[in-house]
Amino acid sequence: MKAGRGPITMTAVSNASSAAVVLDGEIDIATAPAIRRFLLAAISGGDVHLAVDMSGVTFIDAAGIGVLVAAANRARRAGGGLSLLAPSRQVRRVLDLLHLDAILPAAQRSGGSFVVGSVA
């Protein structure tokens, strides 16, 4: 699944019960609704373990944080979770300021899969 409009590109690669989602660009009030739909569709499609690659995210605001937290909560209710792969410096700064590491944990790639809770 791939979607893009404006300053954000979203790509997902999924298997039975997990998905790696790559977000590139800006996550703000303008792009948040499309990202929300994209992430929730992945969760609704059975991919309840999401690893979101944030290495290409150049900006994130409160709307973007809200989308990630809502998707993480939805994934947890479905028996899975959401973790962040390689958050960019800009994203890490906002997450650190808001103390969101418990809600949006880091993950690390391990071969083709990812390990939640590892330091990226």
PDB file of N, CA and C in Angstrom:
ATOM      1  N   MET A   1       0.858  -1.169   0.000  1.00  0.00           N
ATOM      2  CA  MET A   1       0.000   0.000   0.000  1.00  0.00           C
ATOM      3  C   MET A   1       0.902   1.229   0.000  1.00  0.00           C
ATOM      4  N   LYS A   2       0.600   2.210  -0.861  1.00  0.00           N
ATOM      5  CA  LYS A   2       1.385   3.435  -0.909  1.00  0.00           C
ATOM      6  C   LYS A   2       0.441   4.602  -1.125  1.00  0.00           C
ATOM      7  N   ALA A   3       0.689   5.700  -0.442  1.00  0.00           N
ATOM      8  CA  ALA A   3      -0.129   6.898  -0.597  1.00  0.00           C
ATOM      9  C   ALA A   3       0.776   8.103  -0.455  1.00  0.00           C
ATOM     10  N   GLY A   4       0.420   9.168  -1.104  1.00  0.00           N
ATOM     11  CA  GLY A   4       1.204  10.375  -0.950  1.00  0.00           C
ATOM     12  C   GLY A   4       0.441  11.576  -1.488  1.00  0.00           C
ATOM     13  N   ARG A   5       0.486  12.657  -0.772  1.00  0.00           N
ATOM     14  CA  ARG A   5      -0.128  13.896  -1.212  1.00  0.00           C
ATOM     15  C   ARG A   5       0.501  15.006  -0.399  1.00  0.00           C
ATOM     16  N   GLY A   6       0.990  16.012  -1.063  1.00  0.00           N
ATOM     17  CA  GLY A   6       1.637  17.082  -0.328  1.00  0.00           C
ATOM     18  C   GLY A   6       3.007  16.674   0.153  1.00  0.00           C
ATOM     19  N   PRO A   7       3.424  17.167   1.302  1.00  0.00           N
ATOM     20  CA  PRO A   7       4.788  16.957   1.761  1.00  0.00           C
ATOM     21  C   PRO A   7       5.008  15.656   2.533  1.00  0.00           C
ATOM     22  N   ILE A   8       4.180  14.642   2.336  1.00  0.00           N
ATOM     23  CA  ILE A   8       4.351  13.375   3.054  1.00  0.00           C
ATOM     24  C   ILE A   8       4.204  12.209   2.088  1.00  0.00           C
ATOM     25  N   THR A   9       5.007  11.188   2.275  1.00  0.00           N
ATOM     26  CA  THR A   9       4.884   9.948   1.519  1.00  0.00           C
ATOM     27  C   THR A   9       4.725   8.826   2.528  1.00  0.00           C
ATOM     28  N   MET A  10       3.770   7.911   2.267  1.00  0.00           N
ATOM     29  CA  MET A  10       3.502   6.805   3.174  1.00  0.00           C
ATOM     30  C   MET A  10       3.586   5.503   2.398  1.00  0.00           C
ATOM     31  N   THR A  11       4.332   4.548   2.915  1.00  0.00           N
ATOM     32  CA  THR A  11       4.482   3.245   2.287  1.00  0.00           C
ATOM     33  C   THR A  11       4.362   2.182   3.369  1.00  0.00           C
ATOM     34  N   ALA A  12       3.655   1.087   3.061  1.00  0.00           N
ATOM     35  CA  ALA A  12       3.533  -0.017   4.019  1.00  0.00           C
ATOM     36  C   ALA A  12       3.876  -1.327   3.342  1.00  0.00           C
ATOM     37  N   VAL A  13       4.625  -2.156   4.052  1.00  0.00           N
ATOM     38  CA  VAL A  13       4.922  -3.511   3.617  1.00  0.00           C
ATOM     39  C   VAL A  13       4.462  -4.404   4.756  1.00  0.00           C
ATOM     40  N   SER A  14       3.520  -5.314   4.475  1.00  0.00           N
ATOM     41  CA  SER A  14       2.956  -6.102   5.570  1.00  0.00           C
ATOM     42  C   SER A  14       3.043  -7.593   5.297  1.00  0.00           C
ATOM     43  N   ASN A  15       2.951  -8.357   6.397  1.00  0.00           N
ATOM     44  CA  ASN A  15       2.807  -9.805   6.327  1.00  0.00           C
ATOM     45  C   ASN A  15       1.651 -10.186   7.233  1.00  0.00           C
ATOM     46  N   ALA A  16       1.588 -11.407   7.696  1.00  0.00           N
ATOM     47  CA  ALA A  16       0.413 -11.916   8.413  1.00  0.00           C
ATOM     48  C   ALA A  16      -0.112 -11.009   9.522  1.00  0.00           C
ATOM     49  N   SER A  17       0.723 -10.630  10.462  1.00  0.00           N
ATOM     50  CA  SER A  17       0.205  -9.838  11.586  1.00  0.00           C
ATOM     51  C   SER A  17       1.069  -8.637  11.922  1.00  0.00           C
ATOM     52  N   SER A  18       1.897  -8.202  10.987  1.00  0.00           N
ATOM     53  CA  SER A  18       2.721  -7.027  11.251  1.00  0.00           C
ATOM     54  C   SER A  18       2.925  -6.242   9.965  1.00  0.00           C
ATOM     55  N   ALA A  19       3.305  -4.993  10.138  1.00  0.00           N
ATOM     56  CA  ALA A  19       3.577  -4.138   8.988  1.00  0.00           C
ATOM     57  C   ALA A  19       4.699  -3.176   9.327  1.00  0.00           C
ATOM     58  N   ALA A  20       5.518  -2.902   8.345  1.00  0.00           N
ATOM     59  CA  ALA A  20       6.519  -1.843   8.461  1.00  0.00           C
ATOM     60  C   ALA A  20       5.992  -0.695   7.615  1.00  0.00           C
ATOM     61  N   VAL A  21       5.801   0.437   8.245  1.00  0.00           N
ATOM     62  CA  VAL A  21       5.274   1.619   7.578  1.00  0.00           C
ATOM     63  C   VAL A  21       6.382   2.658   7.528  1.00  0.00           C
ATOM     64  N   VAL A  22       6.597   3.242   6.361  1.00  0.00           N
ATOM     65  CA  VAL A  22       7.618   4.273   6.198  1.00  0.00           C
ATOM     66  C   VAL A  22       6.923   5.600   5.948  1.00  0.00           C
ATOM     67  N   LEU A  23       7.228   6.583   6.776  1.00  0.00           N
ATOM     68  CA  LEU A  23       6.705   7.933   6.596  1.00  0.00           C
ATOM     69  C   LEU A  23       7.873   8.849   6.263  1.00  0.00           C
ATOM     70  N   ASP A  24       7.730   9.625   5.200  1.00  0.00           N
ATOM     71  CA  ASP A  24       8.756  10.579   4.779  1.00  0.00           C
ATOM     72  C   ASP A  24       8.118  11.938   4.592  1.00  0.00           C
ATOM     73  N   GLY A  25       8.719  12.973   5.147  1.00  0.00           N
ATOM     74  CA  GLY A  25       8.235  14.329   4.951  1.00  0.00           C
ATOM     75  C   GLY A  25       7.752  14.946   6.245  1.00  0.00           C
ATOM     76  N   GLU A  26       6.724  15.770   6.125  1.00  0.00           N
ATOM     77  CA  GLU A  26       6.191  16.501   7.271  1.00  0.00           C
ATOM     78  C   GLU A  26       4.890  15.870   7.763  1.00  0.00           C
ATOM     79  N   ILE A  27       4.781  15.727   9.084  1.00  0.00           N
ATOM     80  CA  ILE A  27       3.547  15.233   9.697  1.00  0.00           C
ATOM     81  C   ILE A  27       2.980  16.399  10.487  1.00  0.00           C
ATOM     82  N   ASP A  28       1.935  17.001   9.948  1.00  0.00           N
ATOM     83  CA  ASP A  28       1.341  18.177  10.576  1.00  0.00           C
ATOM     84  C   ASP A  28      -0.171  18.143  10.411  1.00  0.00           C
ATOM     85  N   ILE A  29      -0.807  19.228  10.764  1.00  0.00           N
ATOM     86  CA  ILE A  29      -2.265  19.284  10.719  1.00  0.00           C
ATOM     87  C   ILE A  29      -2.807  19.038   9.310  1.00  0.00           C
ATOM     88  N   ALA A  30      -2.031  19.359   8.290  1.00  0.00           N
ATOM     89  CA  ALA A  30      -2.475  19.147   6.908  1.00  0.00           C
ATOM     90  C   ALA A  30      -2.363  17.686   6.480  1.00  0.00           C
ATOM     91  N   THR A  31      -1.342  16.978   6.955  1.00  0.00           N
ATOM     92  CA  THR A  31      -1.123  15.595   6.520  1.00  0.00           C
ATOM     93  C   THR A  31      -1.646  14.561   7.519  1.00  0.00           C
ATOM     94  N   ALA A  32      -1.932  14.977   8.746  1.00  0.00           N
ATOM     95  CA  ALA A  32      -2.347  14.048   9.804  1.00  0.00           C
ATOM     96  C   ALA A  32      -3.580  13.216   9.442  1.00  0.00           C
ATOM     97  N   PRO A  33      -4.638  13.787   8.841  1.00  0.00           N
ATOM     98  CA  PRO A  33      -5.803  12.956   8.530  1.00  0.00           C
ATOM     99  C   PRO A  33      -5.488  11.796   7.577  1.00  0.00           C
ATOM    100  N   ALA A  34      -4.675  12.043   6.564  1.00  0.00           N
ATOM    101  CA  ALA A  34      -4.310  10.970   5.621  1.00  0.00           C
ATOM    102  C   ALA A  34      -3.459   9.908   6.316  1.00  0.00           C
ATOM    103  N   ILE A  35      -2.550  10.342   7.185  1.00  0.00           N
ATOM    104  CA  ILE A  35      -1.710   9.384   7.915  1.00  0.00           C
ATOM    105  C   ILE A  35      -2.562   8.559   8.867  1.00  0.00           C
ATOM    106  N   ARG A  36      -3.507   9.197   9.543  1.00  0.00           N
ATOM    107  CA  ARG A  36      -4.416   8.485  10.439  1.00  0.00           C
ATOM    108  C   ARG A  36      -5.167   7.390   9.678  1.00  0.00           C
ATOM    109  N   ARG A  37      -5.739   7.745   8.531  1.00  0.00           N
ATOM    110  CA  ARG A  37      -6.465   6.751   7.718  1.00  0.00           C
ATOM    111  C   ARG A  37      -5.545   5.616   7.300  1.00  0.00           C
ATOM    112  N   PHE A  38      -4.334   5.953   6.895  1.00  0.00           N
ATOM    113  CA  PHE A  38      -3.354   4.973   6.434  1.00  0.00           C
ATOM    114  C   PHE A  38      -2.996   3.990   7.549  1.00  0.00           C
ATOM    115  N   LEU A  39      -2.668   4.504   8.729  1.00  0.00           N
ATOM    116  CA  LEU A  39      -2.275   3.636   9.841  1.00  0.00           C
ATOM    117  C   LEU A  39      -3.452   2.805  10.349  1.00  0.00           C
ATOM    118  N   LEU A  40      -4.622   3.414  10.480  1.00  0.00           N
ATOM    119  CA  LEU A  40      -5.781   2.668  10.980  1.00  0.00           C
ATOM    120  C   LEU A  40      -6.236   1.611   9.990  1.00  0.00           C
ATOM    121  N   ALA A  41      -6.060   1.855   8.687  1.00  0.00           N
ATOM    122  CA  ALA A  41      -6.381   0.834   7.682  1.00  0.00           C
ATOM    123  C   ALA A  41      -5.457  -0.370   7.835  1.00  0.00           C
ATOM    124  N   ALA A  42      -4.190  -0.115   8.120  1.00  0.00           N
ATOM    125  CA  ALA A  42      -3.251  -1.217   8.329  1.00  0.00           C
ATOM    126  C   ALA A  42      -3.648  -2.041   9.544  1.00  0.00           C
ATOM    127  N   ILE A  43      -4.061  -1.362  10.620  1.00  0.00           N
ATOM    128  CA  ILE A  43      -4.474  -2.068  11.835  1.00  0.00           C
ATOM    129  C   ILE A  43      -5.768  -2.839  11.581  1.00  0.00           C
ATOM    130  N   SER A  44      -6.720  -2.218  10.917  1.00  0.00           N
ATOM    131  CA  SER A  44      -7.998  -2.877  10.621  1.00  0.00           C
ATOM    132  C   SER A  44      -7.816  -4.058   9.687  1.00  0.00           C
ATOM    133  N   GLY A  45      -6.778  -3.989   8.853  1.00  0.00           N
ATOM    134  CA  GLY A  45      -6.502  -5.074   7.919  1.00  0.00           C
ATOM    135  C   GLY A  45      -5.829  -6.261   8.576  1.00  0.00           C
ATOM    136  N   GLY A  46      -5.668  -6.231   9.885  1.00  0.00           N
ATOM    137  CA  GLY A  46      -5.063  -7.355  10.592  1.00  0.00           C
ATOM    138  C   GLY A  46      -3.619  -7.121  10.983  1.00  0.00           C
ATOM    139  N   ASP A  47      -3.013  -6.063  10.498  1.00  0.00           N
ATOM    140  CA  ASP A  47      -1.623  -5.769  10.832  1.00  0.00           C
ATOM    141  C   ASP A  47      -1.588  -4.981  12.139  1.00  0.00           C
ATOM    142  N   VAL A  48      -1.618  -5.697  13.250  1.00  0.00           N
ATOM    143  CA  VAL A  48      -1.731  -5.023  14.536  1.00  0.00           C
ATOM    144  C   VAL A  48      -0.379  -4.729  15.179  1.00  0.00           C
ATOM    145  N   HIS A  49       0.698  -5.234  14.613  1.00  0.00           N
ATOM    146  CA  HIS A  49       2.040  -4.910  15.087  1.00  0.00           C
ATOM    147  C   HIS A  49       2.661  -4.005  14.033  1.00  0.00           C
ATOM    148  N   LEU A  50       2.658  -2.703  14.295  1.00  0.00           N
ATOM    149  CA  LEU A  50       3.172  -1.738  13.334  1.00  0.00           C
ATOM    150  C   LEU A  50       4.519  -1.203  13.777  1.00  0.00           C
ATOM    151  N   ALA A  51       5.479  -1.189  12.869  1.00  0.00           N
ATOM    152  CA  ALA A  51       6.751  -0.513  13.069  1.00  0.00           C
ATOM    153  C   ALA A  51       6.752   0.645  12.084  1.00  0.00           C
ATOM    154  N   VAL A  52       6.821   1.859  12.596  1.00  0.00           N
ATOM    155  CA  VAL A  52       6.745   3.054  11.761  1.00  0.00           C
ATOM    156  C   VAL A  52       8.141   3.652  11.631  1.00  0.00           C
ATOM    157  N   ASP A  53       8.686   3.602  10.419  1.00  0.00           N
ATOM    158  CA  ASP A  53      10.001   4.167  10.147  1.00  0.00           C
ATOM    159  C   ASP A  53       9.852   5.682  10.033  1.00  0.00           C
ATOM    160  N   MET A  54      10.453   6.393  10.963  1.00  0.00           N
ATOM    161  CA  MET A  54      10.335   7.855  11.038  1.00  0.00           C
ATOM    162  C   MET A  54      11.632   8.554  10.631  1.00  0.00           C
ATOM    163  N   SER A  55      12.567   7.824  10.040  1.00  0.00           N
ATOM    164  CA  SER A  55      13.875   8.405   9.721  1.00  0.00           C
ATOM    165  C   SER A  55      13.789   9.540   8.703  1.00  0.00           C
ATOM    166  N   GLY A  56      12.770   9.527   7.857  1.00  0.00           N
ATOM    167  CA  GLY A  56      12.630  10.569   6.847  1.00  0.00           C
ATOM    168  C   GLY A  56      11.674  11.683   7.219  1.00  0.00           C
ATOM    169  N   VAL A  57      11.188  11.678   8.458  1.00  0.00           N
ATOM    170  CA  VAL A  57      10.252  12.724   8.892  1.00  0.00           C
ATOM    171  C   VAL A  57      11.046  13.968   9.266  1.00  0.00           C
ATOM    172  N   THR A  58      10.744  15.072   8.584  1.00  0.00           N
ATOM    173  CA  THR A  58      11.489  16.315   8.795  1.00  0.00           C
ATOM    174  C   THR A  58      10.805  17.265   9.769  1.00  0.00           C
ATOM    175  N   PHE A  59       9.520  17.015  10.060  1.00  0.00           N
ATOM    176  CA  PHE A  59       8.768  17.882  10.970  1.00  0.00           C
ATOM    177  C   PHE A  59       7.584  17.101  11.502  1.00  0.00           C
ATOM    178  N   ILE A  60       7.261  17.310  12.781  1.00  0.00           N
ATOM    179  CA  ILE A  60       6.057  16.723  13.360  1.00  0.00           C
ATOM    180  C   ILE A  60       5.475  17.723  14.359  1.00  0.00           C
ATOM    181  N   ASP A  61       4.151  17.908  14.310  1.00  0.00           N
ATOM    182  CA  ASP A  61       3.500  18.812  15.263  1.00  0.00           C
ATOM    183  C   ASP A  61       2.549  18.009  16.147  1.00  0.00           C
ATOM    184  N   ALA A  62       1.755  18.707  16.953  1.00  0.00           N
ATOM    185  CA  ALA A  62       0.842  18.044  17.887  1.00  0.00           C
ATOM    186  C   ALA A  62      -0.159  17.144  17.170  1.00  0.00           C
ATOM    187  N   ALA A  63      -0.613  17.555  16.002  1.00  0.00           N
ATOM    188  CA  ALA A  63      -1.547  16.719  15.241  1.00  0.00           C
ATOM    189  C   ALA A  63      -0.888  15.404  14.845  1.00  0.00           C
ATOM    190  N   GLY A  64       0.365  15.459  14.455  1.00  0.00           N
ATOM    191  CA  GLY A  64       1.096  14.243  14.096  1.00  0.00           C
ATOM    192  C   GLY A  64       1.315  13.327  15.281  1.00  0.00           C
ATOM    193  N   ILE A  65       1.672  13.904  16.420  1.00  0.00           N
ATOM    194  CA  ILE A  65       1.842  13.115  17.642  1.00  0.00           C
ATOM    195  C   ILE A  65       0.513  12.456  18.000  1.00  0.00           C
ATOM    196  N   GLY A  66      -0.576  13.219  17.888  1.00  0.00           N
ATOM    197  CA  GLY A  66      -1.904  12.681  18.195  1.00  0.00           C
ATOM    198  C   GLY A  66      -2.258  11.488  17.324  1.00  0.00           C
ATOM    199  N   VAL A  67      -1.902  11.533  16.063  1.00  0.00           N
ATOM    200  CA  VAL A  67      -2.159  10.415  15.146  1.00  0.00           C
ATOM    201  C   VAL A  67      -1.384   9.180  15.583  1.00  0.00           C
ATOM    202  N   LEU A  68      -0.105   9.357  15.919  1.00  0.00           N
ATOM    203  CA  LEU A  68       0.709   8.214  16.344  1.00  0.00           C
ATOM    204  C   LEU A  68       0.182   7.603  17.637  1.00  0.00           C
ATOM    205  N   VAL A  69      -0.197   8.441  18.589  1.00  0.00           N
ATOM    206  CA  VAL A  69      -0.727   7.941  19.866  1.00  0.00           C
ATOM    207  C   VAL A  69      -2.061   7.223  19.634  1.00  0.00           C
ATOM    208  N   ALA A  70      -2.941   7.776  18.808  1.00  0.00           N
ATOM    209  CA  ALA A  70      -4.226   7.128  18.523  1.00  0.00           C
ATOM    210  C   ALA A  70      -4.016   5.779  17.840  1.00  0.00           C
ATOM    211  N   ALA A  71      -3.097   5.710  16.893  1.00  0.00           N
ATOM    212  CA  ALA A  71      -2.822   4.447  16.207  1.00  0.00           C
ATOM    213  C   ALA A  71      -2.209   3.430  17.169  1.00  0.00           C
ATOM    214  N   ALA A  72      -1.322   3.880  18.055  1.00  0.00           N
ATOM    215  CA  ALA A  72      -0.727   2.976  19.046  1.00  0.00           C
ATOM    216  C   ALA A  72      -1.803   2.418  19.968  1.00  0.00           C
ATOM    217  N   ASN A  73      -2.716   3.272  20.406  1.00  0.00           N
ATOM    218  CA  ASN A  73      -3.806   2.816  21.280  1.00  0.00           C
ATOM    219  C   ASN A  73      -4.706   1.827  20.560  1.00  0.00           C
ATOM    220  N   ARG A  74      -5.044   2.102  19.300  1.00  0.00           N
ATOM    221  CA  ARG A  74      -5.889   1.187  18.524  1.00  0.00           C
ATOM    222  C   ARG A  74      -5.195  -0.156  18.333  1.00  0.00           C
ATOM    223  N   ALA A  75      -3.907  -0.135  18.021  1.00  0.00           N
ATOM    224  CA  ALA A  75      -3.160  -1.385  17.837  1.00  0.00           C
ATOM    225  C   ALA A  75      -3.117  -2.189  19.135  1.00  0.00           C
ATOM    226  N   ARG A  76      -2.920  -1.514  20.267  1.00  0.00           N
ATOM    227  CA  ARG A  76      -2.906  -2.222  21.562  1.00  0.00           C
ATOM    228  C   ARG A  76      -4.252  -2.857  21.855  1.00  0.00           C
ATOM    229  N   ARG A  77      -5.351  -2.130  21.567  1.00  0.00           N
ATOM    230  CA  ARG A  77      -6.690  -2.704  21.788  1.00  0.00           C
ATOM    231  C   ARG A  77      -6.922  -3.928  20.905  1.00  0.00           C
ATOM    232  N   ALA A  78      -6.248  -3.980  19.761  1.00  0.00           N
ATOM    233  CA  ALA A  78      -6.388  -5.123  18.849  1.00  0.00           C
ATOM    234  C   ALA A  78      -5.409  -6.242  19.195  1.00  0.00           C
ATOM    235  N   GLY A  79      -4.666  -6.075  20.288  1.00  0.00           N
ATOM    236  CA  GLY A  79      -3.749  -7.124  20.729  1.00  0.00           C
ATOM    237  C   GLY A  79      -2.329  -6.957  20.226  1.00  0.00           C
ATOM    238  N   GLY A  80      -2.008  -5.825  19.632  1.00  0.00           N
ATOM    239  CA  GLY A  80      -0.668  -5.597  19.096  1.00  0.00           C
ATOM    240  C   GLY A  80      -0.014  -4.371  19.688  1.00  0.00           C
ATOM    241  N   GLY A  81       0.640  -3.610  18.845  1.00  0.00           N
ATOM    242  CA  GLY A  81       1.308  -2.405  19.290  1.00  0.00           C
ATOM    243  C   GLY A  81       1.864  -1.619  18.125  1.00  0.00           C
ATOM    244  N   LEU A  82       2.408  -0.475  18.432  1.00  0.00           N
ATOM    245  CA  LEU A  82       3.040   0.389  17.445  1.00  0.00           C
ATOM    246  C   LEU A  82       4.359   0.843  18.027  1.00  0.00           C
ATOM    247  N   SER A  83       5.402   0.781  17.233  1.00  0.00           N
ATOM    248  CA  SER A  83       6.713   1.249  17.668  1.00  0.00           C
ATOM    249  C   SER A  83       7.341   2.072  16.550  1.00  0.00           C
ATOM    250  N   LEU A  84       8.326   2.861  16.914  1.00  0.00           N
ATOM    251  CA  LEU A  84       8.971   3.768  15.970  1.00  0.00           C
ATOM    252  C   LEU A  84      10.360   3.259  15.624  1.00  0.00           C
ATOM    253  N   LEU A  85      10.639   3.181  14.324  1.00  0.00           N
ATOM    254  CA  LEU A  85      11.958   2.803  13.840  1.00  0.00           C
ATOM    255  C   LEU A  85      12.725   4.069  13.467  1.00  0.00           C
ATOM    256  N   ALA A  86      13.896   4.223  13.977  1.00  0.00           N
ATOM    257  CA  ALA A  86      14.821   5.283  13.591  1.00  0.00           C
ATOM    258  C   ALA A  86      14.189   6.663  13.510  1.00  0.00           C
ATOM    259  N   PRO A  87      13.557   7.129  14.577  1.00  0.00           N
ATOM    260  CA  PRO A  87      12.985   8.474  14.502  1.00  0.00           C
ATOM    261  C   PRO A  87      14.078   9.508  14.234  1.00  0.00           C
ATOM    262  N   SER A  88      13.777  10.444  13.360  1.00  0.00           N
ATOM    263  CA  SER A  88      14.729  11.502  13.026  1.00  0.00           C
ATOM    264  C   SER A  88      15.016  12.353  14.268  1.00  0.00           C
ATOM    265  N   ARG A  89      16.041  13.162  14.179  1.00  0.00           N
ATOM    266  CA  ARG A  89      16.410  14.033  15.299  1.00  0.00           C
ATOM    267  C   ARG A  89      15.252  14.932  15.704  1.00  0.00           C
ATOM    268  N   GLN A  90      14.527  15.457  14.717  1.00  0.00           N
ATOM    269  CA  GLN A  90      13.397  16.337  14.989  1.00  0.00           C
ATOM    270  C   GLN A  90      12.288  15.591  15.740  1.00  0.00           C
ATOM    271  N   VAL A  91      12.016  14.373  15.332  1.00  0.00           N
ATOM    272  CA  VAL A  91      10.974  13.571  15.981  1.00  0.00           C
ATOM    273  C   VAL A  91      11.405  13.185  17.385  1.00  0.00           C
ATOM    274  N   ARG A  92      12.651  12.741  17.541  1.00  0.00           N
ATOM    275  CA  ARG A  92      13.151  12.362  18.870  1.00  0.00           C
ATOM    276  C   ARG A  92      13.047  13.524  19.849  1.00  0.00           C
ATOM    277  N   ARG A  93      13.345  14.718  19.388  1.00  0.00           N
ATOM    278  CA  ARG A  93      13.289  15.892  20.261  1.00  0.00           C
ATOM    279  C   ARG A  93      11.880  16.102  20.805  1.00  0.00           C
ATOM    280  N   VAL A  94      10.876  16.019  19.933  1.00  0.00           N
ATOM    281  CA  VAL A  94       9.485  16.202  20.371  1.00  0.00           C
ATOM    282  C   VAL A  94       9.077  15.070  21.307  1.00  0.00           C
ATOM    283  N   LEU A  95       9.411  13.828  20.963  1.00  0.00           N
ATOM    284  CA  LEU A  95       9.055  12.688  21.813  1.00  0.00           C
ATOM    285  C   LEU A  95       9.706  12.803  23.185  1.00  0.00           C
ATOM    286  N   ASP A  96      10.968  13.244  23.223  1.00  0.00           N
ATOM    287  CA  ASP A  96      11.658  13.417  24.505  1.00  0.00           C
ATOM    288  C   ASP A  96      10.991  14.497  25.348  1.00  0.00           C
ATOM    289  N   LEU A  97      10.630  15.609  24.722  1.00  0.00           N
ATOM    290  CA  LEU A  97       9.972  16.692  25.444  1.00  0.00           C
ATOM    291  C   LEU A  97       8.635  16.258  26.043  1.00  0.00           C
ATOM    292  N   LEU A  98       7.935  15.374  25.331  1.00  0.00           N
ATOM    293  CA  LEU A  98       6.607  14.932  25.774  1.00  0.00           C
ATOM    294  C   LEU A  98       6.641  13.638  26.595  1.00  0.00           C
ATOM    295  N   HIS A  99       7.814  13.053  26.759  1.00  0.00           N
ATOM    296  CA  HIS A  99       7.974  11.803  27.543  1.00  0.00           C
ATOM    297  C   HIS A  99       7.029  10.714  27.043  1.00  0.00           C
ATOM    298  N   LEU A 100       7.074  10.447  25.743  1.00  0.00           N
ATOM    299  CA  LEU A 100       6.159   9.474  25.140  1.00  0.00           C
ATOM    300  C   LEU A 100       6.803   8.118  24.856  1.00  0.00           C
ATOM    301  N   ASP A 101       7.976   7.828  25.424  1.00  0.00           N
ATOM    302  CA  ASP A 101       8.641   6.577  25.098  1.00  0.00           C
ATOM    303  C   ASP A 101       7.861   5.335  25.526  1.00  0.00           C
ATOM    304  N   ALA A 102       7.041   5.415  26.542  1.00  0.00           N
ATOM    305  CA  ALA A 102       6.240   4.257  26.947  1.00  0.00           C
ATOM    306  C   ALA A 102       5.090   4.009  25.977  1.00  0.00           C
ATOM    307  N   ILE A 103       4.519   5.068  25.437  1.00  0.00           N
ATOM    308  CA  ILE A 103       3.389   4.949  24.514  1.00  0.00           C
ATOM    309  C   ILE A 103       3.866   4.682  23.099  1.00  0.00           C
ATOM    310  N   LEU A 104       4.979   5.307  22.714  1.00  0.00           N
ATOM    311  CA  LEU A 104       5.544   5.158  21.372  1.00  0.00           C
ATOM    312  C   LEU A 104       6.986   4.655  21.503  1.00  0.00           C
ATOM    313  N   PRO A 105       7.158   3.357  21.829  1.00  0.00           N
ATOM    314  CA  PRO A 105       8.499   2.828  22.062  1.00  0.00           C
ATOM    315  C   PRO A 105       9.314   2.740  20.768  1.00  0.00           C
ATOM    316  N   ALA A 106      10.618   2.745  20.937  1.00  0.00           N
ATOM    317  CA  ALA A 106      11.528   2.561  19.811  1.00  0.00           C
ATOM    318  C   ALA A 106      11.589   1.084  19.459  1.00  0.00           C
ATOM    319  N   ALA A 107      11.900   0.806  18.215  1.00  0.00           N
ATOM    320  CA  ALA A 107      12.100  -0.567  17.751  1.00  0.00           C
ATOM    321  C   ALA A 107      13.368  -0.592  16.927  1.00  0.00           C
ATOM    322  N   GLN A 108      13.923  -1.775  16.775  1.00  0.00           N
ATOM    323  CA  GLN A 108      15.137  -1.936  15.995  1.00  0.00           C
ATOM    324  C   GLN A 108      14.915  -3.070  15.014  1.00  0.00           C
ATOM    325  N   ARG A 109      15.403  -2.904  13.784  1.00  0.00           N
ATOM    326  CA  ARG A 109      15.296  -3.978  12.793  1.00  0.00           C
ATOM    327  C   ARG A 109      16.188  -5.134  13.210  1.00  0.00           C
ATOM    328  N   SER A 110      15.664  -6.331  13.058  1.00  0.00           N
ATOM    329  CA  SER A 110      16.422  -7.544  13.321  1.00  0.00           C
ATOM    330  C   SER A 110      16.180  -8.472  12.141  1.00  0.00           C
ATOM    331  N   GLY A 111      17.073  -8.440  11.162  1.00  0.00           N
ATOM    332  CA  GLY A 111      16.835  -9.176   9.924  1.00  0.00           C
ATOM    333  C   GLY A 111      15.714  -8.519   9.161  1.00  0.00           C
ATOM    334  N   GLY A 112      14.677  -9.278   8.811  1.00  0.00           N
ATOM    335  CA  GLY A 112      13.549  -8.732   8.086  1.00  0.00           C
ATOM    336  C   GLY A 112      12.448  -8.226   8.996  1.00  0.00           C
ATOM    337  N   SER A 113      12.538  -8.562  10.288  1.00  0.00           N
ATOM    338  CA  SER A 113      11.486  -8.143  11.213  1.00  0.00           C
ATOM    339  C   SER A 113      12.019  -7.045  12.126  1.00  0.00           C
ATOM    340  N   PHE A 114      11.242  -6.700  13.148  1.00  0.00           N
ATOM    341  CA  PHE A 114      11.657  -5.670  14.079  1.00  0.00           C
ATOM    342  C   PHE A 114      11.426  -6.142  15.496  1.00  0.00           C
ATOM    343  N   VAL A 115      12.216  -5.592  16.410  1.00  0.00           N
ATOM    344  CA  VAL A 115      12.133  -5.949  17.818  1.00  0.00           C
ATOM    345  C   VAL A 115      11.655  -4.706  18.562  1.00  0.00           C
ATOM    346  N   VAL A 116      10.473  -4.775  19.165  1.00  0.00           N
ATOM    347  CA  VAL A 116       9.889  -3.637  19.862  1.00  0.00           C
ATOM    348  C   VAL A 116      10.587  -3.440  21.189  1.00  0.00           C
ATOM    349  N   GLY A 117      10.782  -2.167  21.540  1.00  0.00           N
ATOM    350  CA  GLY A 117      11.369  -1.837  22.817  1.00  0.00           C
ATOM    351  C   GLY A 117      12.871  -1.737  22.796  1.00  0.00           C
ATOM    352  N   SER A 118      13.474  -2.001  21.652  1.00  0.00           N
ATOM    353  CA  SER A 118      14.927  -1.877  21.543  1.00  0.00           C
ATOM    354  C   SER A 118      15.278  -0.446  21.208  1.00  0.00           C
ATOM    355  N   VAL A 119      16.475  -0.058  21.581  1.00  0.00           N
ATOM    356  CA  VAL A 119      16.911   1.286  21.250  1.00  0.00           C
ATOM    357  C   VAL A 119      17.331   1.309  19.788  1.00  0.00           C
ATOM    358  N   ALA A 120      16.742   2.247  19.026  1.00  0.00           N
ATOM    359  CA  ALA A 120      17.037   2.330  17.593  1.00  0.00           C
ATOM    360  C   ALA A 120      18.357   3.010  17.352  1.00  0.00           C
TER     361      ALA A 120
END
